Amino acid sequence: METSNLSHLEGLTDVGLRDRVDMRPTLLRVLTDLYVQKLTHTADEERHYTELALRLLESVDTKTRAAVAARLARHLSPPARVIERLAADLPEVAAALRAERPAQALSVAESAPSLTATGEAFDLEAERGTAPAGIDAGVAGELNELFFAADASERRLILRNLDIVASVPAGRSGVARDPTIGRRLEAAALARKREDFVRELARSLHLSREQAQRIAGDELGEPIVVAAKALGIPRDLLHRILLFVNTAVGHSVERVHALAELYDEMSPQAALDLVTVWQALNGGKAERAAAHQPLLADNEQSAQSASGAQRSPVSSPRVARREAS
């Protein structure tokens, strides 16, 4: 999915009441929280976030608009058109800008065109300090719950816009392209060994076991597609995994085809961005713990294979599964 495709935001105004819950305020607030955690954005990222925010601001409540104004007012280089829109909003929304920028907020509307043209930014580096090390655990948890609560069309919207607000540098997620992981996951799925599947998923993506279980057990299937894209699993393997890993997904041929289409249209970066959100849950503790275990296990296995040493009963099940795959 190219960045230019992110301009197709018509569906955002249709993300409305489902089960009497309006998803739009939460979507705007969480995506804004992710946007401000990056100190700088490219021109395309700012333009597409601006389109996203302006579209959603027209359909959310005053409290949400004020919260967005407060968050953007603290950013190093807030999108000028969005700030201009908020500054002209109701007094309580404009007040949120003044609370963070007493001097600057009043002149934002006048200076917005020049900011857009020249790329100038408010100098807040002294106030903000260095860039955050990663995605805040609270924001990650909120986006995670939003994603799993969303329906298929809403999940697509989140994935389409995630890489403009939370795009992580290459290598930050720590996910390595292991050419054998797809076969191992497929073998576990075909054998209906859910615990083996969850274990491999948690290890390969550096996630907690609980999060890996939630991904594997999701009844719509998008989380599995995200995991496969992030890991570089081929489409044909993903198709077989979807058929067997979860009966709620596998029993619907139409659903499996829809998920395969999502795999084709999703960018690897968007998938890695959502994986990074999953890793940030609980402050990233699960990521470090999960990343440590397979490293030792693989080293031990390599050492045993090289020396011809007899495998212990504890390691035999792990090795047997790898050989079978």
C-alpha atoms as a PDB file:
ATOM      1  CA  MET A   1       0.000   0.000   0.000  1.00  0.00           C
ATOM      2  CA  GLU A   2       1.647   3.215  -1.196  1.00  0.00           C
ATOM      3  CA  THR A   3       1.403   6.414   0.822  1.00  0.00           C
ATOM      4  CA  SER A   4      -0.424   8.090  -2.067  1.00  0.00           C
ATOM      5  CA  ASN A   5      -3.310   5.657  -1.614  1.00  0.00           C
ATOM      6  CA  LEU A   6      -3.939   7.030   1.856  1.00  0.00           C
ATOM      7  CA  SER A   7      -5.776  10.000   0.388  1.00  0.00           C
ATOM      8  CA  HIS A   8      -8.831   7.760  -0.181  1.00  0.00           C
ATOM      9  CA  LEU A   9     -10.511   8.607   3.116  1.00  0.00           C
ATOM     10  CA  GLU A  10     -14.126   8.674   2.006  1.00  0.00           C
ATOM     11  CA  GLY A  11     -14.965   5.757   4.275  1.00  0.00           C
ATOM     12  CA  LEU A  12     -13.937   7.639   7.402  1.00  0.00           C
ATOM     13  CA  THR A  13     -17.171   9.548   7.569  1.00  0.00           C
ATOM     14  CA  ASP A  14     -19.023   6.238   7.392  1.00  0.00           C
ATOM     15  CA  VAL A  15     -17.298   4.823  10.451  1.00  0.00           C
ATOM     16  CA  GLY A  16     -20.214   5.535  12.703  1.00  0.00           C
ATOM     17  CA  LEU A  17     -22.569   3.902  15.128  1.00  0.00           C
ATOM     18  CA  ARG A  18     -22.031   0.164  15.445  1.00  0.00           C
ATOM     19  CA  ASP A  19     -23.581  -1.556  18.429  1.00  0.00           C
ATOM     20  CA  ARG A  20     -24.448   1.996  19.583  1.00  0.00           C
ATOM     21  CA  VAL A  21     -20.753   2.921  19.850  1.00  0.00           C
ATOM     22  CA  ASP A  22     -19.303   5.685  17.677  1.00  0.00           C
ATOM     23  CA  MET A  23     -15.745   4.707  16.779  1.00  0.00           C
ATOM     24  CA  ARG A  24     -14.755   8.046  15.248  1.00  0.00           C
ATOM     25  CA  PRO A  25     -13.796   9.998  18.406  1.00  0.00           C
ATOM     26  CA  THR A  26     -11.555   7.188  19.657  1.00  0.00           C
ATOM     27  CA  LEU A  27     -10.025   6.677  16.219  1.00  0.00           C
ATOM     28  CA  LEU A  28      -9.151  10.372  15.859  1.00  0.00           C
ATOM     29  CA  ARG A  29      -7.800  10.696  19.405  1.00  0.00           C
ATOM     30  CA  VAL A  30      -5.644   7.562  19.265  1.00  0.00           C
ATOM     31  CA  LEU A  31      -4.229   8.295  15.818  1.00  0.00           C
ATOM     32  CA  THR A  32      -3.437  11.834  16.988  1.00  0.00           C
ATOM     33  CA  ASP A  33      -1.683  10.455  20.077  1.00  0.00           C
ATOM     34  CA  LEU A  34       0.467   8.312  17.783  1.00  0.00           C
ATOM     35  CA  TYR A  35       1.118  11.238  15.420  1.00  0.00           C
ATOM     36  CA  VAL A  36       2.506  13.496  18.138  1.00  0.00           C
ATOM     37  CA  GLN A  37       4.854  10.797  19.425  1.00  0.00           C
ATOM     38  CA  LYS A  38       6.946  11.366  16.281  1.00  0.00           C
ATOM     39  CA  LEU A  39       8.776  14.684  16.501  1.00  0.00           C
ATOM     40  CA  THR A  40       8.877  15.194  12.740  1.00  0.00           C
ATOM     41  CA  HIS A  41       6.860  13.993   9.747  1.00  0.00           C
ATOM     42  CA  THR A  42       7.403  14.058   6.013  1.00  0.00           C
ATOM     43  CA  ALA A  43       5.320  16.380   3.865  1.00  0.00           C
ATOM     44  CA  ASP A  44       3.211  13.441   2.660  1.00  0.00           C
ATOM     45  CA  GLU A  45       2.660  12.169   6.199  1.00  0.00           C
ATOM     46  CA  GLU A  46       1.534  15.616   7.361  1.00  0.00           C
ATOM     47  CA  ARG A  47      -0.717  16.078   4.332  1.00  0.00           C
ATOM     48  CA  HIS A  48      -2.465  12.748   4.763  1.00  0.00           C
ATOM     49  CA  TYR A  49      -2.855  13.155   8.516  1.00  0.00           C
ATOM     50  CA  THR A  50      -4.354  16.592   7.824  1.00  0.00           C
ATOM     51  CA  GLU A  51      -6.901  15.040   5.450  1.00  0.00           C
ATOM     52  CA  LEU A  52      -7.704  12.363   8.006  1.00  0.00           C
ATOM     53  CA  ALA A  53      -8.049  14.780  10.922  1.00  0.00           C
ATOM     54  CA  LEU A  54     -10.085  17.409   9.081  1.00  0.00           C
ATOM     55  CA  ARG A  55     -12.501  14.727   7.873  1.00  0.00           C
ATOM     56  CA  LEU A  56     -12.984  13.315  11.372  1.00  0.00           C
ATOM     57  CA  LEU A  57     -13.123  16.673  13.161  1.00  0.00           C
ATOM     58  CA  GLU A  58     -16.356  17.412  11.332  1.00  0.00           C
ATOM     59  CA  SER A  59     -18.071  14.415  12.951  1.00  0.00           C
ATOM     60  CA  VAL A  60     -16.718  14.237  16.531  1.00  0.00           C
ATOM     61  CA  ASP A  61     -17.841  15.941  19.710  1.00  0.00           C
ATOM     62  CA  THR A  62     -16.453  19.091  21.302  1.00  0.00           C
ATOM     63  CA  LYS A  63     -14.613  17.208  24.057  1.00  0.00           C
ATOM     64  CA  THR A  64     -12.721  15.143  21.479  1.00  0.00           C
ATOM     65  CA  ARG A  65     -11.818  18.227  19.427  1.00  0.00           C
ATOM     66  CA  ALA A  66     -10.489  19.935  22.566  1.00  0.00           C
ATOM     67  CA  ALA A  67      -8.414  16.863  23.440  1.00  0.00           C
ATOM     68  CA  VAL A  68      -6.950  16.773  19.938  1.00  0.00           C
ATOM     69  CA  ALA A  69      -6.189  20.496  20.120  1.00  0.00           C
ATOM     70  CA  ALA A  70      -4.326  20.064  23.404  1.00  0.00           C
ATOM     71  CA  ARG A  71      -2.270  17.166  22.047  1.00  0.00           C
ATOM     72  CA  LEU A  72      -1.327  18.894  18.792  1.00  0.00           C
ATOM     73  CA  ALA A  73      -0.522  22.173  20.559  1.00  0.00           C
ATOM     74  CA  ARG A  74       2.336  20.425  22.382  1.00  0.00           C
ATOM     75  CA  HIS A  75       3.852  19.005  19.196  1.00  0.00           C
ATOM     76  CA  LEU A  76       7.085  20.322  17.731  1.00  0.00           C
ATOM     77  CA  SER A  77       5.577  20.908  14.283  1.00  0.00           C
ATOM     78  CA  PRO A  78       1.789  20.558  14.317  1.00  0.00           C
ATOM     79  CA  PRO A  79      -0.080  20.382  11.001  1.00  0.00           C
ATOM     80  CA  ALA A  80      -0.937  24.006  10.259  1.00  0.00           C
ATOM     81  CA  ARG A  81      -4.335  23.468   8.618  1.00  0.00           C
ATOM     82  CA  VAL A  82      -5.548  21.350  11.516  1.00  0.00           C
ATOM     83  CA  ILE A  83      -4.364  23.942  14.047  1.00  0.00           C
ATOM     84  CA  GLU A  84      -6.064  26.653  12.011  1.00  0.00           C
ATOM     85  CA  ARG A  85      -9.301  24.663  12.042  1.00  0.00           C
ATOM     86  CA  LEU A  86      -9.131  24.105  15.798  1.00  0.00           C
ATOM     87  CA  ALA A  87      -8.248  27.719  16.543  1.00  0.00           C
ATOM     88  CA  ALA A  88     -11.452  28.777  14.776  1.00  0.00           C
ATOM     89  CA  ASP A  89     -13.555  26.233  16.669  1.00  0.00           C
ATOM     90  CA  LEU A  90     -15.717  26.794  19.734  1.00  0.00           C
ATOM     91  CA  PRO A  91     -14.151  28.751  22.633  1.00  0.00           C
ATOM     92  CA  GLU A  92     -13.501  25.626  24.703  1.00  0.00           C
ATOM     93  CA  VAL A  93     -11.588  24.034  21.807  1.00  0.00           C
ATOM     94  CA  ALA A  94      -9.547  27.160  21.058  1.00  0.00           C
ATOM     95  CA  ALA A  95      -8.860  27.451  24.803  1.00  0.00           C
ATOM     96  CA  ALA A  96      -7.094  24.087  24.687  1.00  0.00           C
ATOM     97  CA  LEU A  97      -4.617  25.604  22.212  1.00  0.00           C
ATOM     98  CA  ARG A  98      -4.113  28.726  24.327  1.00  0.00           C
ATOM     99  CA  ALA A  99      -3.490  26.613  27.438  1.00  0.00           C
ATOM    100  CA  GLU A 100      -0.466  25.014  25.775  1.00  0.00           C
ATOM    101  CA  ARG A 101       0.661  27.939  23.609  1.00  0.00           C
ATOM    102  CA  PRO A 102      -0.478  31.187  25.290  1.00  0.00           C
ATOM    103  CA  ALA A 103       1.405  33.414  22.876  1.00  0.00           C
ATOM    104  CA  GLN A 104       1.434  31.392  19.688  1.00  0.00           C
ATOM    105  CA  ALA A 105      -2.088  30.010  19.579  1.00  0.00           C
ATOM    106  CA  LEU A 106      -3.780  33.333  18.974  1.00  0.00           C
ATOM    107  CA  SER A 107      -1.749  33.909  15.803  1.00  0.00           C
ATOM    108  CA  VAL A 108      -1.893  30.381  14.440  1.00  0.00           C
ATOM    109  CA  ALA A 109      -4.728  31.084  11.999  1.00  0.00           C
ATOM    110  CA  GLU A 110      -2.838  34.034  10.505  1.00  0.00           C
ATOM    111  CA  SER A 111       0.506  32.226  10.260  1.00  0.00           C
ATOM    112  CA  ALA A 112      -0.835  28.883   9.018  1.00  0.00           C
ATOM    113  CA  PRO A 113      -0.382  29.585   5.271  1.00  0.00           C
ATOM    114  CA  SER A 114       3.260  30.595   5.719  1.00  0.00           C
ATOM    115  CA  LEU A 115       3.918  27.558   7.902  1.00  0.00           C
ATOM    116  CA  THR A 116       2.547  25.292   5.221  1.00  0.00           C
ATOM    117  CA  ALA A 117       4.536  26.974   2.475  1.00  0.00           C
ATOM    118  CA  THR A 118       7.903  27.243   4.223  1.00  0.00           C
ATOM    119  CA  GLY A 119       7.832  24.237   6.531  1.00  0.00           C
ATOM    120  CA  GLU A 120       8.616  26.393   9.557  1.00  0.00           C
ATOM    121  CA  ALA A 121       7.807  24.921  12.943  1.00  0.00           C
ATOM    122  CA  PHE A 122       7.270  26.230  16.434  1.00  0.00           C
ATOM    123  CA  ASP A 123      10.495  25.787  18.388  1.00  0.00           C
ATOM    124  CA  LEU A 124       9.469  23.538  21.237  1.00  0.00           C
ATOM    125  CA  GLU A 125      12.542  21.276  21.385  1.00  0.00           C
ATOM    126  CA  ALA A 126      13.542  22.748  24.737  1.00  0.00           C
ATOM    127  CA  GLU A 127      10.104  21.921  26.134  1.00  0.00           C
ATOM    128  CA  ARG A 128       9.849  18.423  24.672  1.00  0.00           C
ATOM    129  CA  GLY A 129      13.405  17.174  25.045  1.00  0.00           C
ATOM    130  CA  THR A 130      14.417  14.085  23.087  1.00  0.00           C
ATOM    131  CA  ALA A 131      12.122  11.893  21.034  1.00  0.00           C
ATOM    132  CA  PRO A 132      10.360   9.104  22.912  1.00  0.00           C
ATOM    133  CA  ALA A 133      12.033   5.689  22.750  1.00  0.00           C
ATOM    134  CA  GLY A 134       8.869   3.991  21.558  1.00  0.00           C
ATOM    135  CA  ILE A 135       5.108   4.022  21.520  1.00  0.00           C
ATOM    136  CA  ASP A 136       3.568   4.804  24.894  1.00  0.00           C
ATOM    137  CA  ALA A 137       2.081   1.690  26.515  1.00  0.00           C
ATOM    138  CA  GLY A 138      -1.190   3.453  27.308  1.00  0.00           C
ATOM    139  CA  VAL A 139      -1.665   4.625  23.728  1.00  0.00           C
ATOM    140  CA  ALA A 140      -0.666   1.173  22.465  1.00  0.00           C
ATOM    141  CA  GLY A 141      -3.252  -0.462  24.699  1.00  0.00           C
ATOM    142  CA  GLU A 142      -5.967   1.894  23.529  1.00  0.00           C
ATOM    143  CA  LEU A 143      -5.198   1.362  19.857  1.00  0.00           C
ATOM    144  CA  ASN A 144      -4.981  -2.393  20.419  1.00  0.00           C
ATOM    145  CA  GLU A 145      -8.452  -2.460  21.976  1.00  0.00           C
ATOM    146  CA  LEU A 146      -9.784  -0.186  19.227  1.00  0.00           C
ATOM    147  CA  PHE A 147      -8.419  -2.482  16.530  1.00  0.00           C
ATOM    148  CA  PHE A 148      -9.824  -5.677  18.018  1.00  0.00           C
ATOM    149  CA  ALA A 149     -13.204  -4.035  18.676  1.00  0.00           C
ATOM    150  CA  ALA A 150     -13.451  -2.754  15.094  1.00  0.00           C
ATOM    151  CA  ASP A 151     -15.208  -4.518  12.244  1.00  0.00           C
ATOM    152  CA  ALA A 152     -13.483  -5.475   8.998  1.00  0.00           C
ATOM    153  CA  SER A 153     -13.920  -2.111   7.247  1.00  0.00           C
ATOM    154  CA  GLU A 154     -12.786  -0.147  10.310  1.00  0.00           C
ATOM    155  CA  ARG A 155      -9.698  -2.323  10.657  1.00  0.00           C
ATOM    156  CA  ARG A 156      -8.786  -1.557   7.066  1.00  0.00           C
ATOM    157  CA  LEU A 157      -9.074   2.163   7.801  1.00  0.00           C
ATOM    158  CA  ILE A 158      -6.784   1.841  10.806  1.00  0.00           C
ATOM    159  CA  LEU A 159      -4.189  -0.089   8.802  1.00  0.00           C
ATOM    160  CA  ARG A 160      -4.400   2.411   5.930  1.00  0.00           C
ATOM    161  CA  ASN A 161      -3.621   5.327   8.249  1.00  0.00           C
ATOM    162  CA  LEU A 162      -1.331   3.730  10.806  1.00  0.00           C
ATOM    163  CA  ASP A 163       1.911   4.164   8.891  1.00  0.00           C
ATOM    164  CA  ILE A 164       1.459   7.955   8.627  1.00  0.00           C
ATOM    165  CA  VAL A 165       1.091   8.406  12.376  1.00  0.00           C
ATOM    166  CA  ALA A 166       3.177   5.635  13.924  1.00  0.00           C
ATOM    167  CA  SER A 167       5.690   4.563  11.298  1.00  0.00           C
ATOM    168  CA  VAL A 168       8.719   3.038  13.040  1.00  0.00           C
ATOM    169  CA  PRO A 169      12.291   3.127  11.728  1.00  0.00           C
ATOM    170  CA  ALA A 170      13.533  -0.017  10.013  1.00  0.00           C
ATOM    171  CA  GLY A 171      14.660  -2.574  12.565  1.00  0.00           C
ATOM    172  CA  ARG A 172      12.890  -0.927  15.520  1.00  0.00           C
ATOM    173  CA  SER A 173      10.348  -3.748  15.779  1.00  0.00           C
ATOM    174  CA  GLY A 174      13.079  -6.369  16.010  1.00  0.00           C
ATOM    175  CA  VAL A 175      11.113  -8.720  13.727  1.00  0.00           C
ATOM    176  CA  ALA A 176      13.470 -10.790  11.589  1.00  0.00           C
ATOM    177  CA  ARG A 177      12.459 -12.399   8.284  1.00  0.00           C
ATOM    178  CA  ASP A 178      12.910 -16.078   9.151  1.00  0.00           C
ATOM    179  CA  PRO A 179      12.236 -18.186   6.020  1.00  0.00           C
ATOM    180  CA  THR A 180      11.206 -21.170   8.170  1.00  0.00           C
ATOM    181  CA  ILE A 181       8.607 -19.455  10.359  1.00  0.00           C
ATOM    182  CA  GLY A 182       5.855 -19.726   7.756  1.00  0.00           C
ATOM    183  CA  ARG A 183       6.274 -23.506   7.503  1.00  0.00           C
ATOM    184  CA  ARG A 184       6.341 -23.886  11.262  1.00  0.00           C
ATOM    185  CA  LEU A 185       3.154 -21.887  11.677  1.00  0.00           C
ATOM    186  CA  GLU A 186       1.519 -23.784   8.826  1.00  0.00           C
ATOM    187  CA  ALA A 187       2.456 -27.157  10.367  1.00  0.00           C
ATOM    188  CA  ALA A 188       1.000 -26.125  13.721  1.00  0.00           C
ATOM    189  CA  ALA A 189      -2.196 -24.857  12.077  1.00  0.00           C
ATOM    190  CA  LEU A 190      -2.671 -27.983   9.933  1.00  0.00           C
ATOM    191  CA  ALA A 191      -2.165 -30.198  12.989  1.00  0.00           C
ATOM    192  CA  ARG A 192      -4.664 -28.090  14.979  1.00  0.00           C
ATOM    193  CA  LYS A 193      -1.974 -27.498  17.603  1.00  0.00           C
ATOM    194  CA  ARG A 194      -3.109 -24.084  18.790  1.00  0.00           C
ATOM    195  CA  GLU A 195      -0.572 -23.830  21.635  1.00  0.00           C
ATOM    196  CA  ASP A 196       2.331 -24.555  19.275  1.00  0.00           C
ATOM    197  CA  PHE A 197       0.994 -21.952  16.862  1.00  0.00           C
ATOM    198  CA  VAL A 198       0.658 -19.359  19.621  1.00  0.00           C
ATOM    199  CA  ARG A 199       4.161 -20.114  20.914  1.00  0.00           C
ATOM    200  CA  GLU A 200       5.759 -19.710  17.490  1.00  0.00           C
ATOM    201  CA  LEU A 201       3.818 -16.513  16.870  1.00  0.00           C
ATOM    202  CA  ALA A 202       4.827 -14.992  20.200  1.00  0.00           C
ATOM    203  CA  ARG A 203       8.483 -15.880  19.666  1.00  0.00           C
ATOM    204  CA  SER A 204       8.740 -14.657  16.095  1.00  0.00           C
ATOM    205  CA  LEU A 205       6.983 -11.322  16.749  1.00  0.00           C
ATOM    206  CA  HIS A 206       8.348 -10.802  20.283  1.00  0.00           C
ATOM    207  CA  LEU A 207       4.887 -10.621  21.817  1.00  0.00           C
ATOM    208  CA  SER A 208       3.376 -11.841  25.045  1.00  0.00           C
ATOM    209  CA  ARG A 209       1.676 -15.230  24.973  1.00  0.00           C
ATOM    210  CA  GLU A 210      -1.641 -13.551  25.793  1.00  0.00           C
ATOM    211  CA  GLN A 211      -1.392 -11.204  22.812  1.00  0.00           C
ATOM    212  CA  ALA A 212      -0.395 -14.053  20.498  1.00  0.00           C
ATOM    213  CA  GLN A 213      -3.430 -16.007  21.707  1.00  0.00           C
ATOM    214  CA  ARG A 214      -5.662 -13.046  20.968  1.00  0.00           C
ATOM    215  CA  ILE A 215      -4.250 -12.760  17.457  1.00  0.00           C
ATOM    216  CA  ALA A 216      -4.703 -16.473  16.739  1.00  0.00           C
ATOM    217  CA  GLY A 217      -8.210 -16.562  18.197  1.00  0.00           C
ATOM    218  CA  ASP A 218      -9.582 -13.456  16.488  1.00  0.00           C
ATOM    219  CA  GLU A 219     -12.791 -14.370  14.640  1.00  0.00           C
ATOM    220  CA  LEU A 220     -12.303 -11.908  11.773  1.00  0.00           C
ATOM    221  CA  GLY A 221      -8.719 -12.855  10.911  1.00  0.00           C
ATOM    222  CA  GLU A 222      -6.999  -9.525  10.203  1.00  0.00           C
ATOM    223  CA  PRO A 223      -4.430  -9.907  13.035  1.00  0.00           C
ATOM    224  CA  ILE A 224      -3.119 -13.123  11.451  1.00  0.00           C
ATOM    225  CA  VAL A 225      -2.783 -11.297   8.128  1.00  0.00           C
ATOM    226  CA  VAL A 226      -0.852  -8.485   9.836  1.00  0.00           C
ATOM    227  CA  ALA A 227       1.470 -11.025  11.475  1.00  0.00           C
ATOM    228  CA  ALA A 228       2.045 -12.830   8.167  1.00  0.00           C
ATOM    229  CA  LYS A 229       2.843  -9.589   6.332  1.00  0.00           C
ATOM    230  CA  ALA A 230       5.260  -8.475   9.039  1.00  0.00           C
ATOM    231  CA  LEU A 231       7.038 -11.843   8.955  1.00  0.00           C
ATOM    232  CA  GLY A 232       7.135 -12.011   5.160  1.00  0.00           C
ATOM    233  CA  ILE A 233       5.129 -15.241   5.014  1.00  0.00           C
ATOM    234  CA  PRO A 234       4.161 -16.083   1.410  1.00  0.00           C
ATOM    235  CA  ARG A 235       0.547 -15.670   0.376  1.00  0.00           C
ATOM    236  CA  ASP A 236      -0.036 -19.370  -0.317  1.00  0.00           C
ATOM    237  CA  LEU A 237       1.131 -20.339   3.163  1.00  0.00           C
ATOM    238  CA  LEU A 238      -1.074 -17.650   4.695  1.00  0.00           C
ATOM    239  CA  HIS A 239      -4.056 -19.008   2.769  1.00  0.00           C
ATOM    240  CA  ARG A 240      -3.593 -22.483   4.277  1.00  0.00           C
ATOM    241  CA  ILE A 241      -2.979 -21.059   7.752  1.00  0.00           C
ATOM    242  CA  LEU A 242      -6.229 -19.073   7.577  1.00  0.00           C
ATOM    243  CA  LEU A 243      -8.154 -22.201   6.587  1.00  0.00           C
ATOM    244  CA  PHE A 244      -7.031 -24.186   9.617  1.00  0.00           C
ATOM    245  CA  VAL A 245      -5.900 -21.942  12.476  1.00  0.00           C
ATOM    246  CA  ASN A 246      -9.365 -20.653  13.378  1.00  0.00           C
ATOM    247  CA  THR A 247     -12.627 -22.350  12.449  1.00  0.00           C
ATOM    248  CA  ALA A 248     -14.525 -19.037  12.587  1.00  0.00           C
ATOM    249  CA  VAL A 249     -12.349 -17.806   9.702  1.00  0.00           C
ATOM    250  CA  GLY A 250     -11.598 -21.062   7.879  1.00  0.00           C
ATOM    251  CA  HIS A 251     -15.240 -22.082   7.478  1.00  0.00           C
ATOM    252  CA  SER A 252     -15.928 -18.997   5.328  1.00  0.00           C
ATOM    253  CA  VAL A 253     -14.261 -19.175   1.916  1.00  0.00           C
ATOM    254  CA  GLU A 254     -15.459 -15.642   1.221  1.00  0.00           C
ATOM    255  CA  ARG A 255     -13.762 -14.386   4.395  1.00  0.00           C
ATOM    256  CA  VAL A 256     -10.498 -16.140   3.545  1.00  0.00           C
ATOM    257  CA  HIS A 257     -10.488 -14.529   0.085  1.00  0.00           C
ATOM    258  CA  ALA A 258     -11.166 -11.099   1.616  1.00  0.00           C
ATOM    259  CA  LEU A 259      -8.241 -11.551   3.995  1.00  0.00           C
ATOM    260  CA  ALA A 260      -5.987 -12.619   1.128  1.00  0.00           C
ATOM    261  CA  GLU A 261      -6.907  -9.375  -0.654  1.00  0.00           C
ATOM    262  CA  LEU A 262      -6.054  -7.430   2.494  1.00  0.00           C
ATOM    263  CA  TYR A 263      -2.655  -9.154   2.538  1.00  0.00           C
ATOM    264  CA  ASP A 264      -2.035  -7.974  -1.036  1.00  0.00           C
ATOM    265  CA  GLU A 265      -3.007  -4.352  -0.387  1.00  0.00           C
ATOM    266  CA  MET A 266      -1.318  -3.961   3.009  1.00  0.00           C
ATOM    267  CA  SER A 267       2.207  -2.553   3.086  1.00  0.00           C
ATOM    268  CA  PRO A 268       4.888  -4.356   5.120  1.00  0.00           C
ATOM    269  CA  GLN A 269       5.456  -1.066   6.970  1.00  0.00           C
ATOM    270  CA  ALA A 270       1.837  -0.856   8.126  1.00  0.00           C
ATOM    271  CA  ALA A 271       2.055  -4.422   9.403  1.00  0.00           C
ATOM    272  CA  LEU A 272       5.301  -3.720  11.259  1.00  0.00           C
ATOM    273  CA  ASP A 273       3.779  -0.571  12.737  1.00  0.00           C
ATOM    274  CA  LEU A 274       0.896  -2.540  14.252  1.00  0.00           C
ATOM    275  CA  VAL A 275       3.296  -5.215  15.502  1.00  0.00           C
ATOM    276  CA  THR A 276       5.284  -2.442  17.193  1.00  0.00           C
ATOM    277  CA  VAL A 277       2.064  -1.292  18.870  1.00  0.00           C
ATOM    278  CA  TRP A 278       1.489  -4.863  20.095  1.00  0.00           C
ATOM    279  CA  GLN A 279       5.057  -5.025  21.381  1.00  0.00           C
ATOM    280  CA  ALA A 280       4.587  -1.779  23.303  1.00  0.00           C
ATOM    281  CA  LEU A 281       1.830  -3.289  25.443  1.00  0.00           C
ATOM    282  CA  ASN A 282       2.946  -3.519  29.084  1.00  0.00           C
ATOM    283  CA  GLY A 283       5.797  -1.160  28.346  1.00  0.00           C
ATOM    284  CA  GLY A 284       7.523  -3.560  25.962  1.00  0.00           C
ATOM    285  CA  LYS A 285       8.427  -6.034  28.716  1.00  0.00           C
ATOM    286  CA  ALA A 286       6.948  -8.957  26.809  1.00  0.00           C
ATOM    287  CA  GLU A 287       9.055  -8.087  23.779  1.00  0.00           C
ATOM    288  CA  ARG A 288      12.347  -8.367  25.646  1.00  0.00           C
ATOM    289  CA  ALA A 289      11.377 -11.568  27.393  1.00  0.00           C
ATOM    290  CA  ALA A 290      10.104 -13.219  24.232  1.00  0.00           C
ATOM    291  CA  ALA A 291      13.110 -12.154  22.185  1.00  0.00           C
ATOM    292  CA  HIS A 292      15.540 -13.721  24.653  1.00  0.00           C
ATOM    293  CA  GLN A 293      14.135 -17.241  24.768  1.00  0.00           C
ATOM    294  CA  PRO A 294      14.314 -18.276  21.103  1.00  0.00           C
ATOM    295  CA  LEU A 295      17.855 -16.934  20.783  1.00  0.00           C
ATOM    296  CA  LEU A 296      19.077 -19.350  23.468  1.00  0.00           C
ATOM    297  CA  ALA A 297      16.995 -22.183  22.103  1.00  0.00           C
ATOM    298  CA  ASP A 298      18.336 -21.752  18.574  1.00  0.00           C
ATOM    299  CA  ASN A 299      21.933 -21.472  19.789  1.00  0.00           C
ATOM    300  CA  GLU A 300      21.587 -24.580  21.897  1.00  0.00           C
ATOM    301  CA  GLN A 301      20.104 -26.495  18.994  1.00  0.00           C
ATOM    302  CA  SER A 302      22.882 -25.399  16.639  1.00  0.00           C
ATOM    303  CA  ALA A 303      25.536 -26.349  19.144  1.00  0.00           C
ATOM    304  CA  GLN A 304      24.032 -29.783  19.663  1.00  0.00           C
ATOM    305  CA  SER A 305      23.741 -30.383  15.922  1.00  0.00           C
ATOM    306  CA  ALA A 306      27.353 -29.362  15.292  1.00  0.00           C
ATOM    307  CA  SER A 307      28.840 -31.492  18.054  1.00  0.00           C
ATOM    308  CA  GLY A 308      26.616 -34.526  17.490  1.00  0.00           C
ATOM    309  CA  ALA A 309      25.680 -34.458  21.137  1.00  0.00           C
ATOM    310  CA  GLN A 310      22.643 -36.451  22.248  1.00  0.00           C
ATOM    311  CA  ARG A 311      19.519 -34.316  22.538  1.00  0.00           C
ATOM    312  CA  SER A 312      17.944 -34.071  25.939  1.00  0.00           C
ATOM    313  CA  PRO A 313      14.270 -35.053  26.464  1.00  0.00           C
ATOM    314  CA  VAL A 314      13.439 -31.405  27.206  1.00  0.00           C
ATOM    315  CA  SER A 315      14.641 -30.146  23.818  1.00  0.00           C
ATOM    316  CA  SER A 316      13.366 -33.051  21.723  1.00  0.00           C
ATOM    317  CA  PRO A 317       9.790 -31.766  21.202  1.00  0.00           C
ATOM    318  CA  ARG A 318      11.069 -28.378  19.982  1.00  0.00           C
ATOM    319  CA  VAL A 319      13.576 -29.986  17.577  1.00  0.00           C
ATOM    320  CA  ALA A 320      11.013 -32.496  16.334  1.00  0.00           C
ATOM    321  CA  ARG A 321       8.605 -29.715  15.468  1.00  0.00           C
ATOM    322  CA  ARG A 322      11.292 -27.806  13.569  1.00  0.00           C
ATOM    323  CA  GLU A 323      12.332 -30.925  11.601  1.00  0.00           C
ATOM    324  CA  ALA A 324       8.709 -31.713  10.777  1.00  0.00           C
ATOM    325  CA  SER A 325       8.219 -28.266   9.350  1.00  0.00           C
END
